[in-house]
Amino acid sequence: MDTIQCFSGLAQIYAQARPGCPDHLMDWLFAPGRLAAGQRVADIGAGTGLFSQALLERGAQVWAVEPNGDMAQEAR
């Protein structure tokens, strides 16, 4: 099985089991001089979109790229 397909059929379980992004990480990323609301960010290998969602909640413009169809559908 290739790495793109390794989560096929498991995306919902993955999304339920994986914890979200820690607030202190997002605070660090959005500290002055780093990311700011309105900036464009690419989340490559976005999985189920947990990190993308955290970025969106801070006001970033996010382009999520996920090659696995099941994971991308869960992110949507």
N, C-alpha and C. Protein backbone atom coordinates (compact mmCIF):
# COMPACT_ATOMS: atom_id res chain seq x y z
N MET A 1 0.85 -1.18 0.00
CA MET A 1 0.00 0.00 0.00
C MET A 1 0.89 1.24 0.00
N ASP A 2 0.56 2.21 -0.85
CA ASP A 2 1.35 3.43 -0.87
C ASP A 2 0.92 4.36 0.27
N THR A 3 1.76 5.32 0.57
CA THR A 3 1.50 6.21 1.71
C THR A 3 0.27 7.09 1.50
N ILE A 4 -0.07 7.39 0.27
CA ILE A 4 -1.26 8.21 0.02
C ILE A 4 -2.52 7.47 0.43
N GLN A 5 -2.56 6.17 0.25
CA GLN A 5 -3.76 5.39 0.53
C GLN A 5 -3.79 4.74 1.91
N CYS A 6 -2.75 4.93 2.72
CA CYS A 6 -2.68 4.18 3.98
C CYS A 6 -3.80 4.53 4.97
N PHE A 7 -4.45 5.68 4.83
CA PHE A 7 -5.55 6.02 5.73
C PHE A 7 -6.92 5.83 5.08
N SER A 8 -6.95 5.27 3.87
CA SER A 8 -8.23 5.05 3.20
C SER A 8 -9.14 4.18 4.08
N GLY A 9 -10.36 4.65 4.25
CA GLY A 9 -11.32 3.93 5.08
C GLY A 9 -11.18 4.18 6.57
N LEU A 10 -10.19 4.96 6.97
CA LEU A 10 -9.94 5.20 8.40
C LEU A 10 -10.05 6.67 8.79
N ALA A 11 -10.39 7.53 7.86
CA ALA A 11 -10.35 8.97 8.12
C ALA A 11 -11.26 9.39 9.27
N GLN A 12 -12.46 8.83 9.36
CA GLN A 12 -13.39 9.22 10.42
C GLN A 12 -12.83 8.82 11.79
N ILE A 13 -12.30 7.63 11.89
CA ILE A 13 -11.69 7.17 13.14
C ILE A 13 -10.50 8.05 13.51
N TYR A 14 -9.67 8.35 12.51
CA TYR A 14 -8.50 9.21 12.72
C TYR A 14 -8.94 10.58 13.25
N ALA A 15 -9.96 11.16 12.64
CA ALA A 15 -10.43 12.49 13.05
C ALA A 15 -10.96 12.48 14.48
N GLN A 16 -11.63 11.41 14.87
CA GLN A 16 -12.20 11.32 16.21
C GLN A 16 -11.12 11.10 17.27
N ALA A 17 -10.06 10.38 16.92
CA ALA A 17 -9.05 9.99 17.90
C ALA A 17 -7.92 11.01 18.06
N ARG A 18 -7.63 11.75 17.02
CA ARG A 18 -6.49 12.66 17.07
C ARG A 18 -6.86 13.93 17.82
N PRO A 19 -6.02 14.34 18.75
CA PRO A 19 -6.30 15.59 19.47
C PRO A 19 -6.10 16.80 18.56
N GLY A 20 -6.74 17.90 18.91
CA GLY A 20 -6.58 19.14 18.17
C GLY A 20 -5.22 19.78 18.43
N CYS A 21 -5.00 20.92 17.81
CA CYS A 21 -3.74 21.64 17.99
C CYS A 21 -3.72 22.33 19.35
N PRO A 22 -2.61 22.23 20.07
CA PRO A 22 -2.53 22.90 21.37
C PRO A 22 -2.59 24.43 21.22
N ASP A 23 -3.29 25.06 22.11
CA ASP A 23 -3.40 26.53 22.08
C ASP A 23 -2.04 27.20 22.14
N HIS A 24 -1.10 26.64 22.92
CA HIS A 24 0.20 27.30 23.03
C HIS A 24 0.97 27.27 21.71
N LEU A 25 0.74 26.25 20.87
CA LEU A 25 1.37 26.22 19.55
C LEU A 25 0.78 27.32 18.68
N MET A 26 -0.52 27.45 18.70
CA MET A 26 -1.16 28.48 17.88
C MET A 26 -0.79 29.88 18.39
N ASP A 27 -0.69 30.04 19.70
CA ASP A 27 -0.25 31.33 20.25
C ASP A 27 1.15 31.67 19.74
N TRP A 28 2.04 30.68 19.71
CA TRP A 28 3.41 30.90 19.24
C TRP A 28 3.41 31.25 17.76
N LEU A 29 2.64 30.51 16.96
CA LEU A 29 2.61 30.76 15.52
C LEU A 29 2.07 32.15 15.19
N PHE A 30 1.12 32.63 15.99
CA PHE A 30 0.49 33.92 15.72
C PHE A 30 1.04 35.05 16.60
N ALA A 31 2.21 34.84 17.19
CA ALA A 31 2.86 35.90 17.95
C ALA A 31 3.32 36.99 16.99
N PRO A 32 3.50 38.21 17.49
CA PRO A 32 3.97 39.29 16.63
C PRO A 32 5.25 38.90 15.87
N GLY A 33 5.23 39.23 14.58
CA GLY A 33 6.37 38.92 13.74
C GLY A 33 6.29 37.56 13.06
N ARG A 34 5.27 36.80 13.37
CA ARG A 34 5.08 35.49 12.73
C ARG A 34 3.82 35.57 11.86
N LEU A 35 2.92 34.64 12.01
CA LEU A 35 1.68 34.68 11.22
C LEU A 35 0.72 35.73 11.78
N ALA A 36 -0.14 36.21 10.90
CA ALA A 36 -1.16 37.17 11.31
C ALA A 36 -2.46 36.83 10.60
N ALA A 37 -3.55 37.24 11.21
CA ALA A 37 -4.86 37.05 10.58
C ALA A 37 -4.82 37.64 9.18
N GLY A 38 -5.42 36.93 8.24
CA GLY A 38 -5.46 37.39 6.86
C GLY A 38 -4.34 36.87 5.99
N GLN A 39 -3.28 36.34 6.59
CA GLN A 39 -2.19 35.80 5.79
C GLN A 39 -2.59 34.47 5.16
N ARG A 40 -1.96 34.18 4.03
CA ARG A 40 -2.21 32.91 3.33
C ARG A 40 -1.26 31.85 3.86
N VAL A 41 -1.83 30.67 4.10
CA VAL A 41 -1.06 29.55 4.63
C VAL A 41 -1.45 28.30 3.84
N ALA A 42 -0.46 27.49 3.46
CA ALA A 42 -0.72 26.20 2.82
C ALA A 42 -0.48 25.10 3.85
N ASP A 43 -1.47 24.28 4.05
CA ASP A 43 -1.35 23.12 4.93
C ASP A 43 -1.18 21.91 4.02
N ILE A 44 0.07 21.51 3.81
CA ILE A 44 0.39 20.40 2.90
C ILE A 44 0.33 19.10 3.69
N GLY A 45 -0.43 18.15 3.17
CA GLY A 45 -0.66 16.90 3.92
C GLY A 45 -1.63 17.18 5.05
N ALA A 46 -2.72 17.86 4.73
CA ALA A 46 -3.65 18.39 5.73
C ALA A 46 -4.43 17.33 6.49
N GLY A 47 -4.42 16.11 6.02
CA GLY A 47 -5.16 15.06 6.73
C GLY A 47 -6.62 15.41 6.85
N THR A 48 -7.16 15.30 8.04
CA THR A 48 -8.57 15.58 8.27
C THR A 48 -8.84 17.06 8.53
N GLY A 49 -7.82 17.89 8.47
CA GLY A 49 -7.99 19.33 8.56
C GLY A 49 -7.96 19.93 9.94
N LEU A 50 -7.47 19.20 10.93
CA LEU A 50 -7.44 19.75 12.29
C LEU A 50 -6.55 21.00 12.39
N PHE A 51 -5.36 20.94 11.79
CA PHE A 51 -4.47 22.10 11.82
C PHE A 51 -5.05 23.22 10.96
N SER A 52 -5.60 22.87 9.81
CA SER A 52 -6.24 23.88 8.96
C SER A 52 -7.33 24.61 9.72
N GLN A 53 -8.15 23.87 10.46
CA GLN A 53 -9.23 24.47 11.24
C GLN A 53 -8.69 25.43 12.29
N ALA A 54 -7.61 25.04 12.96
CA ALA A 54 -7.02 25.91 13.98
C ALA A 54 -6.48 27.19 13.34
N LEU A 55 -5.90 27.07 12.14
CA LEU A 55 -5.42 28.26 11.43
C LEU A 55 -6.58 29.16 11.02
N LEU A 56 -7.65 28.57 10.53
CA LEU A 56 -8.84 29.34 10.14
C LEU A 56 -9.43 30.08 11.33
N GLU A 57 -9.46 29.43 12.48
CA GLU A 57 -10.01 30.06 13.69
C GLU A 57 -9.20 31.28 14.10
N ARG A 58 -7.93 31.34 13.70
CA ARG A 58 -7.09 32.51 14.00
C ARG A 58 -7.12 33.53 12.87
N GLY A 59 -7.92 33.27 11.84
CA GLY A 59 -8.11 34.24 10.78
C GLY A 59 -7.20 34.08 9.57
N ALA A 60 -6.44 33.01 9.50
CA ALA A 60 -5.59 32.78 8.33
C ALA A 60 -6.44 32.35 7.14
N GLN A 61 -5.94 32.61 5.95
CA GLN A 61 -6.54 32.09 4.72
C GLN A 61 -5.81 30.79 4.42
N VAL A 62 -6.50 29.68 4.42
CA VAL A 62 -5.85 28.37 4.36
C VAL A 62 -6.18 27.65 3.06
N TRP A 63 -5.13 27.14 2.43
CA TRP A 63 -5.24 26.22 1.31
C TRP A 63 -4.77 24.88 1.82
N ALA A 64 -5.71 23.96 1.98
CA ALA A 64 -5.38 22.63 2.49
C ALA A 64 -5.19 21.68 1.32
N VAL A 65 -4.08 20.96 1.33
CA VAL A 65 -3.76 19.99 0.28
C VAL A 65 -3.66 18.62 0.93
N GLU A 66 -4.51 17.71 0.50
CA GLU A 66 -4.50 16.35 1.04
C GLU A 66 -4.73 15.37 -0.11
N PRO A 67 -3.74 14.52 -0.42
CA PRO A 67 -3.88 13.61 -1.56
C PRO A 67 -4.79 12.41 -1.31
N ASN A 68 -5.05 12.06 -0.06
CA ASN A 68 -5.90 10.91 0.22
C ASN A 68 -7.35 11.36 0.19
N GLY A 69 -8.14 10.75 -0.68
CA GLY A 69 -9.53 11.17 -0.86
C GLY A 69 -10.37 11.08 0.40
N ASP A 70 -10.23 10.01 1.17
CA ASP A 70 -11.00 9.86 2.41
C ASP A 70 -10.66 10.94 3.43
N MET A 71 -9.37 11.22 3.57
CA MET A 71 -8.94 12.25 4.52
C MET A 71 -9.42 13.63 4.06
N ALA A 72 -9.31 13.90 2.76
CA ALA A 72 -9.76 15.20 2.23
C ALA A 72 -11.26 15.37 2.42
N GLN A 73 -12.03 14.33 2.21
CA GLN A 73 -13.47 14.41 2.42
C GLN A 73 -13.80 14.71 3.87
N GLU A 74 -13.09 14.07 4.79
CA GLU A 74 -13.30 14.33 6.22
C GLU A 74 -12.96 15.79 6.55
N ALA A 75 -11.92 16.32 5.93
CA ALA A 75 -11.53 17.71 6.18
C ALA A 75 -12.61 18.67 5.69
N ARG A 76 -13.23 18.34 4.58
CA ARG A 76 -14.28 19.24 4.06
C ARG A 76 -15.45 19.32 5.02
